[in-house]
Amino acid sequence: MATTTMANPQVVSNPAENLNVQLSRVIRASRQRVFDAWTRPENMRQWFGPNRTIANLEINPRKDGAYLIELEGGPCDSTNAKADIASNVVISGRYIKVDPYDLLSFTWSSNLDPTEETLVTITFKDVAEGTELTLTHERFATELSRQRHETGWTGALDNLKTFAESDS
């Protein structure tokens, strides 16, 4: 929603409308392999959470199914350690849409900001080189939250690419 004021007639965008992250990777693996990396706990444990360890992982990848991810360790970006980032992060949400090998969509909440619930959508598309994965994470409350998630997702998707391509 855009707003205007009499003193300043220029259009000013609501910052929250633009607070999202969109990242893509081409992964030399089948859509099934890449999708399964997100929906099978034994696979997800091997790549999710850059610079962190998964202490607990519970996923039920079906419409309205819940998930819980508990991460331990330092910040996702080891080159930019921040004292204000919790060493233990708990992420939870519900799957909104699960179309095997095509799309995953789920809500995302964490203990870093319990008042913020965001939405993650991941698409999987066949391309000549394998699978194009596009991740869109939207509805951030602040720019700082958006930046932190972009850093985390960048590392996670790099790990995913390495994992998925390792057995292809």
N, C-alpha and C. Protein backbone atom coordinates (compact mmCIF):
# COMPACT_ATOMS: atom_id res chain seq x y z
N MET A 1 0.85 -1.16 0.00
CA MET A 1 0.00 0.00 0.00
C MET A 1 0.89 1.23 0.00
N ALA A 2 0.67 2.15 -0.89
CA ALA A 2 1.45 3.38 -0.96
C ALA A 2 0.69 4.50 -0.26
N THR A 3 1.44 5.44 0.30
CA THR A 3 0.82 6.56 0.98
C THR A 3 1.41 7.85 0.44
N THR A 4 0.64 8.94 0.52
CA THR A 4 1.13 10.26 0.15
C THR A 4 0.78 11.22 1.27
N THR A 5 1.51 12.34 1.31
CA THR A 5 1.21 13.38 2.29
C THR A 5 1.10 14.70 1.55
N MET A 6 0.37 15.66 2.12
CA MET A 6 0.23 16.96 1.49
C MET A 6 1.56 17.70 1.44
N ALA A 7 2.34 17.60 2.52
CA ALA A 7 3.62 18.31 2.57
C ALA A 7 4.61 17.72 1.57
N ASN A 8 4.49 16.46 1.31
CA ASN A 8 5.40 15.78 0.39
C ASN A 8 4.56 14.89 -0.51
N PRO A 9 4.17 15.37 -1.69
CA PRO A 9 3.24 14.62 -2.54
C PRO A 9 3.84 13.39 -3.22
N GLN A 10 5.15 13.14 -3.06
CA GLN A 10 5.71 11.96 -3.70
C GLN A 10 5.14 10.70 -3.06
N VAL A 11 5.09 9.63 -3.80
CA VAL A 11 4.58 8.37 -3.30
C VAL A 11 5.67 7.72 -2.45
N VAL A 12 5.30 7.28 -1.27
CA VAL A 12 6.22 6.61 -0.37
C VAL A 12 5.71 5.19 -0.17
N SER A 13 6.55 4.21 -0.44
CA SER A 13 6.14 2.82 -0.29
C SER A 13 6.23 2.40 1.16
N ASN A 14 5.33 1.54 1.56
CA ASN A 14 5.40 0.93 2.87
C ASN A 14 6.60 -0.02 2.85
N PRO A 15 7.62 0.19 3.70
CA PRO A 15 8.83 -0.64 3.64
C PRO A 15 8.55 -2.13 3.76
N ALA A 16 7.59 -2.53 4.57
CA ALA A 16 7.33 -3.95 4.77
C ALA A 16 6.90 -4.65 3.48
N GLU A 17 6.32 -3.89 2.54
CA GLU A 17 5.90 -4.51 1.27
C GLU A 17 7.08 -5.04 0.48
N ASN A 18 8.24 -4.43 0.64
CA ASN A 18 9.40 -4.79 -0.16
C ASN A 18 10.42 -5.62 0.60
N LEU A 19 10.10 -6.02 1.80
CA LEU A 19 11.07 -6.76 2.59
C LEU A 19 10.94 -8.25 2.31
N ASN A 20 11.67 -8.67 1.29
CA ASN A 20 11.68 -10.08 0.94
C ASN A 20 13.05 -10.46 0.42
N VAL A 21 13.26 -11.75 0.31
CA VAL A 21 14.49 -12.31 -0.22
C VAL A 21 14.09 -13.26 -1.33
N GLN A 22 14.77 -13.17 -2.47
CA GLN A 22 14.55 -14.16 -3.53
C GLN A 22 15.92 -14.60 -4.03
N LEU A 23 16.16 -15.90 -3.95
CA LEU A 23 17.44 -16.48 -4.36
C LEU A 23 17.17 -17.67 -5.27
N SER A 24 18.03 -17.86 -6.26
CA SER A 24 17.90 -19.00 -7.17
C SER A 24 19.24 -19.71 -7.28
N ARG A 25 19.16 -21.00 -7.51
CA ARG A 25 20.34 -21.82 -7.76
C ARG A 25 19.98 -22.84 -8.82
N VAL A 26 20.92 -23.13 -9.71
CA VAL A 26 20.79 -24.26 -10.61
C VAL A 26 21.64 -25.37 -10.00
N ILE A 27 20.99 -26.49 -9.77
CA ILE A 27 21.63 -27.61 -9.09
C ILE A 27 21.67 -28.79 -10.04
N ARG A 28 22.85 -29.36 -10.22
CA ARG A 28 23.02 -30.50 -11.12
C ARG A 28 22.52 -31.78 -10.44
N ALA A 29 21.20 -31.86 -10.33
CA ALA A 29 20.54 -33.02 -9.74
C ALA A 29 19.08 -32.99 -10.18
N SER A 30 18.41 -34.11 -10.04
CA SER A 30 17.00 -34.19 -10.44
C SER A 30 16.13 -33.38 -9.48
N ARG A 31 14.95 -32.99 -9.97
CA ARG A 31 13.99 -32.28 -9.10
C ARG A 31 13.66 -33.15 -7.89
N GLN A 32 13.52 -34.45 -8.09
CA GLN A 32 13.20 -35.34 -6.97
C GLN A 32 14.30 -35.27 -5.91
N ARG A 33 15.54 -35.32 -6.32
CA ARG A 33 16.66 -35.27 -5.37
C ARG A 33 16.66 -33.95 -4.60
N VAL A 34 16.44 -32.84 -5.29
CA VAL A 34 16.46 -31.53 -4.64
C VAL A 34 15.24 -31.39 -3.73
N PHE A 35 14.08 -31.79 -4.19
CA PHE A 35 12.87 -31.74 -3.36
C PHE A 35 13.03 -32.61 -2.11
N ASP A 36 13.55 -33.82 -2.29
CA ASP A 36 13.74 -34.73 -1.16
C ASP A 36 14.72 -34.17 -0.13
N ALA A 37 15.63 -33.33 -0.58
CA ALA A 37 16.56 -32.70 0.36
C ALA A 37 15.81 -31.81 1.36
N TRP A 38 14.67 -31.28 0.94
CA TRP A 38 13.83 -30.42 1.81
C TRP A 38 12.82 -31.21 2.63
N THR A 39 12.48 -32.41 2.19
CA THR A 39 11.34 -33.12 2.79
C THR A 39 11.70 -34.42 3.50
N ARG A 40 12.95 -34.79 3.50
CA ARG A 40 13.39 -35.99 4.20
C ARG A 40 14.40 -35.58 5.28
N PRO A 41 14.09 -35.85 6.53
CA PRO A 41 14.96 -35.41 7.62
C PRO A 41 16.41 -35.86 7.47
N GLU A 42 16.63 -37.09 7.03
CA GLU A 42 18.00 -37.58 6.89
C GLU A 42 18.80 -36.78 5.87
N ASN A 43 18.12 -36.22 4.87
CA ASN A 43 18.79 -35.37 3.89
C ASN A 43 18.96 -33.95 4.44
N MET A 44 17.91 -33.41 5.01
CA MET A 44 17.93 -32.03 5.49
C MET A 44 19.01 -31.81 6.55
N ARG A 45 19.24 -32.81 7.39
CA ARG A 45 20.27 -32.71 8.43
C ARG A 45 21.66 -32.48 7.83
N GLN A 46 21.86 -32.87 6.59
CA GLN A 46 23.18 -32.80 5.99
C GLN A 46 23.51 -31.44 5.38
N TRP A 47 22.53 -30.57 5.23
CA TRP A 47 22.84 -29.31 4.55
C TRP A 47 22.24 -28.07 5.21
N PHE A 48 21.17 -28.20 5.96
CA PHE A 48 20.46 -27.04 6.46
C PHE A 48 21.22 -26.37 7.61
N GLY A 49 21.12 -25.06 7.72
CA GLY A 49 21.72 -24.33 8.84
C GLY A 49 23.20 -24.13 8.71
N PRO A 50 23.64 -23.25 7.83
CA PRO A 50 25.09 -23.03 7.67
C PRO A 50 25.73 -22.61 8.99
N ASN A 51 26.88 -23.21 9.30
CA ASN A 51 27.66 -22.94 10.52
C ASN A 51 26.91 -23.30 11.79
N ARG A 52 25.89 -24.11 11.66
CA ARG A 52 25.12 -24.55 12.83
C ARG A 52 24.90 -26.06 12.75
N THR A 53 24.54 -26.62 13.88
CA THR A 53 24.21 -28.04 13.97
C THR A 53 22.72 -28.17 14.23
N ILE A 54 22.08 -29.11 13.57
CA ILE A 54 20.67 -29.36 13.83
C ILE A 54 20.57 -30.23 15.07
N ALA A 55 20.05 -29.66 16.15
CA ALA A 55 19.89 -30.37 17.41
C ALA A 55 18.60 -31.20 17.40
N ASN A 56 17.58 -30.69 16.71
CA ASN A 56 16.30 -31.39 16.63
C ASN A 56 15.64 -31.01 15.32
N LEU A 57 15.05 -31.98 14.66
CA LEU A 57 14.39 -31.75 13.38
C LEU A 57 13.15 -32.63 13.31
N GLU A 58 12.00 -31.99 13.20
CA GLU A 58 10.74 -32.69 13.05
C GLU A 58 10.01 -32.05 11.88
N ILE A 59 9.78 -32.82 10.82
CA ILE A 59 9.07 -32.27 9.66
C ILE A 59 7.96 -33.22 9.24
N ASN A 60 6.85 -32.63 8.84
CA ASN A 60 5.70 -33.38 8.33
C ASN A 60 5.25 -32.67 7.05
N PRO A 61 6.00 -32.91 5.96
CA PRO A 61 5.77 -32.14 4.72
C PRO A 61 4.51 -32.54 3.96
N ARG A 62 3.39 -32.08 4.49
CA ARG A 62 2.09 -32.23 3.84
C ARG A 62 1.29 -30.98 4.19
N LYS A 63 0.24 -30.70 3.43
CA LYS A 63 -0.57 -29.51 3.71
C LYS A 63 -1.02 -29.52 5.16
N ASP A 64 -0.81 -28.41 5.84
CA ASP A 64 -1.13 -28.21 7.25
C ASP A 64 -0.23 -28.99 8.20
N GLY A 65 0.77 -29.71 7.68
CA GLY A 65 1.73 -30.39 8.54
C GLY A 65 2.66 -29.38 9.19
N ALA A 66 3.13 -29.71 10.37
CA ALA A 66 4.00 -28.80 11.11
C ALA A 66 5.46 -29.21 10.94
N TYR A 67 6.35 -28.26 11.23
CA TYR A 67 7.77 -28.57 11.28
C TYR A 67 8.40 -27.80 12.43
N LEU A 68 9.53 -28.32 12.91
CA LEU A 68 10.30 -27.69 13.97
C LEU A 68 11.77 -27.98 13.70
N ILE A 69 12.58 -26.92 13.70
CA ILE A 69 14.02 -27.06 13.49
C ILE A 69 14.71 -26.33 14.63
N GLU A 70 15.56 -27.04 15.36
CA GLU A 70 16.35 -26.42 16.42
C GLU A 70 17.80 -26.45 16.00
N LEU A 71 18.41 -25.26 15.92
CA LEU A 71 19.79 -25.12 15.49
C LEU A 71 20.66 -24.65 16.65
N GLU A 72 21.87 -25.20 16.73
CA GLU A 72 22.84 -24.77 17.73
C GLU A 72 24.09 -24.31 17.01
N GLY A 73 24.76 -23.33 17.59
CA GLY A 73 26.02 -22.88 17.02
C GLY A 73 26.05 -21.39 16.81
N GLY A 74 27.03 -20.95 16.05
CA GLY A 74 27.23 -19.52 15.82
C GLY A 74 26.31 -18.98 14.76
N PRO A 75 26.52 -17.71 14.42
CA PRO A 75 25.71 -17.08 13.37
C PRO A 75 25.91 -17.79 12.04
N CYS A 76 24.93 -17.67 11.15
CA CYS A 76 25.02 -18.32 9.84
C CYS A 76 26.18 -17.80 9.01
N ASP A 77 26.60 -16.58 9.25
CA ASP A 77 27.71 -15.99 8.52
C ASP A 77 28.90 -15.90 9.46
N SER A 78 29.82 -16.86 9.36
CA SER A 78 30.94 -16.92 10.30
C SER A 78 31.91 -15.75 10.13
N THR A 79 31.87 -15.08 9.00
CA THR A 79 32.78 -13.95 8.79
C THR A 79 32.24 -12.66 9.40
N ASN A 80 31.00 -12.69 9.84
CA ASN A 80 30.36 -11.48 10.37
C ASN A 80 29.62 -11.83 11.66
N ALA A 81 30.35 -12.42 12.61
CA ALA A 81 29.73 -12.86 13.86
C ALA A 81 29.15 -11.67 14.61
N LYS A 82 27.94 -11.85 15.06
CA LYS A 82 27.24 -10.79 15.80
C LYS A 82 26.92 -11.32 17.19
N ALA A 83 27.22 -10.53 18.20
CA ALA A 83 26.96 -10.93 19.57
C ALA A 83 25.46 -10.99 19.87
N ASP A 84 24.65 -10.28 19.08
CA ASP A 84 23.22 -10.23 19.37
C ASP A 84 22.42 -11.36 18.71
N ILE A 85 23.09 -12.30 18.07
CA ILE A 85 22.40 -13.44 17.46
C ILE A 85 22.45 -14.60 18.45
N ALA A 86 21.30 -15.15 18.75
CA ALA A 86 21.22 -16.27 19.70
C ALA A 86 22.00 -17.46 19.18
N SER A 87 22.65 -18.19 20.10
CA SER A 87 23.39 -19.36 19.68
C SER A 87 22.45 -20.54 19.40
N ASN A 88 21.27 -20.53 20.00
CA ASN A 88 20.27 -21.56 19.72
C ASN A 88 19.07 -20.90 19.06
N VAL A 89 18.72 -21.40 17.90
CA VAL A 89 17.60 -20.84 17.15
C VAL A 89 16.56 -21.94 16.95
N VAL A 90 15.32 -21.61 17.26
CA VAL A 90 14.22 -22.54 17.06
C VAL A 90 13.30 -21.95 16.00
N ILE A 91 13.10 -22.72 14.94
CA ILE A 91 12.27 -22.29 13.80
C ILE A 91 11.09 -23.26 13.72
N SER A 92 9.91 -22.71 13.49
CA SER A 92 8.74 -23.57 13.36
C SER A 92 7.75 -22.96 12.39
N GLY A 93 6.82 -23.78 11.95
CA GLY A 93 5.78 -23.30 11.06
C GLY A 93 4.91 -24.43 10.56
N ARG A 94 4.11 -24.10 9.56
CA ARG A 94 3.19 -25.07 8.95
C ARG A 94 3.35 -25.02 7.43
N TYR A 95 3.21 -26.18 6.84
CA TYR A 95 3.24 -26.26 5.38
C TYR A 95 1.90 -25.77 4.84
N ILE A 96 1.97 -24.84 3.92
CA ILE A 96 0.78 -24.28 3.28
C ILE A 96 0.44 -25.08 2.02
N LYS A 97 1.48 -25.39 1.24
CA LYS A 97 1.28 -26.13 -0.01
C LYS A 97 2.48 -27.04 -0.23
N VAL A 98 2.19 -28.27 -0.60
CA VAL A 98 3.24 -29.24 -0.91
C VAL A 98 2.85 -29.93 -2.22
N ASP A 99 3.51 -29.55 -3.30
CA ASP A 99 3.33 -30.20 -4.59
C ASP A 99 4.63 -30.92 -4.90
N PRO A 100 4.67 -32.25 -4.68
CA PRO A 100 5.94 -32.97 -4.83
C PRO A 100 6.67 -32.65 -6.13
N TYR A 101 7.94 -32.31 -5.95
CA TYR A 101 8.90 -32.03 -7.02
C TYR A 101 8.64 -30.71 -7.75
N ASP A 102 7.61 -29.95 -7.34
CA ASP A 102 7.30 -28.68 -7.99
C ASP A 102 7.36 -27.48 -7.05
N LEU A 103 6.76 -27.60 -5.85
CA LEU A 103 6.61 -26.44 -4.99
C LEU A 103 6.46 -26.83 -3.52
N LEU A 104 7.09 -26.03 -2.66
CA LEU A 104 6.88 -26.09 -1.21
C LEU A 104 6.59 -24.68 -0.74
N SER A 105 5.61 -24.53 0.13
CA SER A 105 5.31 -23.23 0.72
C SER A 105 4.99 -23.46 2.19
N PHE A 106 5.62 -22.66 3.07
CA PHE A 106 5.42 -22.85 4.50
C PHE A 106 5.63 -21.55 5.25
N THR A 107 4.94 -21.44 6.40
CA THR A 107 5.15 -20.30 7.27
C THR A 107 6.47 -20.49 8.01
N TRP A 108 7.01 -19.40 8.54
CA TRP A 108 8.32 -19.42 9.19
C TRP A 108 8.28 -18.49 10.39
N SER A 109 8.51 -19.02 11.57
CA SER A 109 8.61 -18.23 12.80
C SER A 109 9.82 -18.71 13.56
N SER A 110 10.48 -17.80 14.28
CA SER A 110 11.63 -18.23 15.08
C SER A 110 11.68 -17.47 16.40
N ASN A 111 12.50 -17.98 17.29
CA ASN A 111 12.67 -17.33 18.58
C ASN A 111 13.47 -16.03 18.48
N LEU A 112 14.07 -15.75 17.31
CA LEU A 112 14.79 -14.49 17.14
C LEU A 112 13.84 -13.31 17.16
N ASP A 113 12.62 -13.50 16.65
CA ASP A 113 11.57 -12.49 16.72
C ASP A 113 10.23 -13.22 16.73
N PRO A 114 9.75 -13.60 17.91
CA PRO A 114 8.52 -14.40 18.01
C PRO A 114 7.28 -13.70 17.45
N THR A 115 7.33 -12.39 17.25
CA THR A 115 6.15 -11.69 16.73
C THR A 115 6.11 -11.72 15.20
N GLU A 116 7.18 -12.16 14.57
CA GLU A 116 7.27 -12.14 13.11
C GLU A 116 6.96 -13.52 12.54
N GLU A 117 5.93 -13.61 11.68
CA GLU A 117 5.66 -14.83 10.93
C GLU A 117 5.80 -14.48 9.46
N THR A 118 6.68 -15.21 8.78
CA THR A 118 6.95 -14.93 7.38
C THR A 118 6.51 -16.12 6.55
N LEU A 119 6.70 -16.01 5.24
CA LEU A 119 6.28 -17.05 4.31
C LEU A 119 7.45 -17.39 3.39
N VAL A 120 7.72 -18.69 3.27
CA VAL A 120 8.76 -19.19 2.38
C VAL A 120 8.09 -20.00 1.28
N THR A 121 8.46 -19.73 0.02
CA THR A 121 7.96 -20.49 -1.12
C THR A 121 9.17 -20.93 -1.94
N ILE A 122 9.21 -22.20 -2.27
CA ILE A 122 10.32 -22.76 -3.04
C ILE A 122 9.74 -23.45 -4.26
N THR A 123 10.26 -23.10 -5.43
CA THR A 123 9.83 -23.76 -6.66
C THR A 123 11.00 -24.56 -7.22
N PHE A 124 10.66 -25.64 -7.91
CA PHE A 124 11.63 -26.55 -8.51
C PHE A 124 11.27 -26.69 -9.98
N LYS A 125 12.23 -26.42 -10.85
CA LYS A 125 11.95 -26.42 -12.29
C LYS A 125 13.07 -27.16 -13.02
N ASP A 126 12.67 -28.02 -13.96
CA ASP A 126 13.66 -28.70 -14.80
C ASP A 126 14.34 -27.69 -15.71
N VAL A 127 15.66 -27.76 -15.78
CA VAL A 127 16.45 -26.98 -16.74
C VAL A 127 17.49 -27.92 -17.32
N ALA A 128 18.14 -27.51 -18.38
CA ALA A 128 19.10 -28.37 -19.06
C ALA A 128 20.19 -28.88 -18.12
N GLU A 129 20.62 -28.05 -17.18
CA GLU A 129 21.71 -28.42 -16.27
C GLU A 129 21.25 -29.23 -15.06
N GLY A 130 19.93 -29.40 -14.87
CA GLY A 130 19.42 -30.13 -13.71
C GLY A 130 18.13 -29.52 -13.21
N THR A 131 18.19 -28.87 -12.03
CA THR A 131 17.01 -28.29 -11.40
C THR A 131 17.29 -26.85 -11.03
N GLU A 132 16.37 -25.98 -11.41
CA GLU A 132 16.46 -24.59 -10.94
C GLU A 132 15.56 -24.47 -9.72
N LEU A 133 16.15 -24.11 -8.60
CA LEU A 133 15.43 -23.88 -7.36
C LEU A 133 15.34 -22.38 -7.14
N THR A 134 14.15 -21.88 -6.87
CA THR A 134 13.96 -20.47 -6.52
C THR A 134 13.27 -20.41 -5.17
N LEU A 135 13.93 -19.73 -4.24
CA LEU A 135 13.40 -19.55 -2.90
C LEU A 135 12.98 -18.10 -2.73
N THR A 136 11.75 -17.89 -2.30
CA THR A 136 11.25 -16.56 -1.98
C THR A 136 10.81 -16.57 -0.53
N HIS A 137 11.40 -15.67 0.25
CA HIS A 137 11.04 -15.53 1.67
C HIS A 137 10.53 -14.11 1.83
N GLU A 138 9.28 -13.97 2.27
CA GLU A 138 8.64 -12.65 2.30
C GLU A 138 7.93 -12.36 3.61
N ARG A 139 7.52 -11.11 3.74
CA ARG A 139 6.77 -10.60 4.89
C ARG A 139 7.63 -10.30 6.11
N PHE A 140 8.87 -9.89 5.90
CA PHE A 140 9.73 -9.53 7.03
C PHE A 140 9.24 -8.25 7.68
N ALA A 141 9.38 -8.18 8.99
CA ALA A 141 8.95 -7.00 9.75
C ALA A 141 10.00 -5.88 9.69
N THR A 142 11.28 -6.25 9.54
CA THR A 142 12.34 -5.25 9.54
C THR A 142 13.38 -5.58 8.49
N GLU A 143 14.14 -4.58 8.11
CA GLU A 143 15.24 -4.77 7.16
C GLU A 143 16.32 -5.66 7.78
N LEU A 144 16.59 -5.51 9.06
CA LEU A 144 17.59 -6.34 9.73
C LEU A 144 17.21 -7.82 9.64
N SER A 145 15.95 -8.14 9.87
CA SER A 145 15.50 -9.52 9.76
C SER A 145 15.67 -10.02 8.33
N ARG A 146 15.31 -9.21 7.36
CA ARG A 146 15.48 -9.59 5.95
C ARG A 146 16.94 -9.89 5.65
N GLN A 147 17.84 -9.02 6.10
CA GLN A 147 19.27 -9.20 5.84
C GLN A 147 19.80 -10.48 6.48
N ARG A 148 19.39 -10.73 7.71
CA ARG A 148 19.86 -11.94 8.40
C ARG A 148 19.38 -13.19 7.69
N HIS A 149 18.14 -13.19 7.24
CA HIS A 149 17.62 -14.37 6.54
C HIS A 149 18.29 -14.53 5.17
N GLU A 150 18.57 -13.44 4.49
CA GLU A 150 19.28 -13.55 3.21
C GLU A 150 20.64 -14.20 3.40
N THR A 151 21.35 -13.79 4.45
CA THR A 151 22.65 -14.40 4.76
C THR A 151 22.49 -15.89 5.04
N GLY A 152 21.53 -16.22 5.88
CA GLY A 152 21.31 -17.63 6.21
C GLY A 152 20.92 -18.48 5.02
N TRP A 153 19.99 -17.97 4.21
CA TRP A 153 19.54 -18.73 3.04
C TRP A 153 20.66 -18.86 2.00
N THR A 154 21.48 -17.85 1.85
CA THR A 154 22.59 -17.93 0.89
C THR A 154 23.51 -19.09 1.27
N GLY A 155 23.88 -19.17 2.54
CA GLY A 155 24.73 -20.27 2.99
C GLY A 155 24.03 -21.62 2.90
N ALA A 156 22.75 -21.66 3.28
CA ALA A 156 22.00 -22.91 3.23
C ALA A 156 21.88 -23.43 1.79
N LEU A 157 21.58 -22.54 0.85
CA LEU A 157 21.43 -22.99 -0.54
C LEU A 157 22.77 -23.42 -1.14
N ASP A 158 23.86 -22.78 -0.73
CA ASP A 158 25.18 -23.25 -1.16
C ASP A 158 25.43 -24.66 -0.64
N ASN A 159 25.08 -24.90 0.64
CA ASN A 159 25.23 -26.25 1.22
C ASN A 159 24.33 -27.26 0.52
N LEU A 160 23.09 -26.84 0.21
CA LEU A 160 22.14 -27.71 -0.49
C LEU A 160 22.70 -28.12 -1.85
N LYS A 161 23.23 -27.17 -2.57
CA LYS A 161 23.81 -27.44 -3.89
C LYS A 161 24.92 -28.49 -3.78
N THR A 162 25.81 -28.31 -2.82
CA THR A 162 26.89 -29.26 -2.61
C THR A 162 26.34 -30.64 -2.26
N PHE A 163 25.38 -30.67 -1.34
CA PHE A 163 24.78 -31.94 -0.92
C PHE A 163 24.08 -32.64 -2.10
N ALA A 164 23.21 -31.94 -2.79
CA ALA A 164 22.40 -32.56 -3.85
C ALA A 164 23.25 -33.02 -5.03
N GLU A 165 24.32 -32.31 -5.30
CA GLU A 165 25.18 -32.68 -6.43
C GLU A 165 26.16 -33.81 -6.07
N SER A 166 26.31 -34.12 -4.79
CA SER A 166 27.32 -35.08 -4.37
C SER A 166 27.00 -36.52 -4.77
N ASP A 167 25.73 -36.86 -4.86
CA ASP A 167 25.36 -38.24 -5.19
C ASP A 167 24.63 -38.35 -6.52
N SER A 168 24.70 -37.31 -7.33
CA SER A 168 23.96 -37.34 -8.59
C SER A 168 24.69 -38.11 -9.65
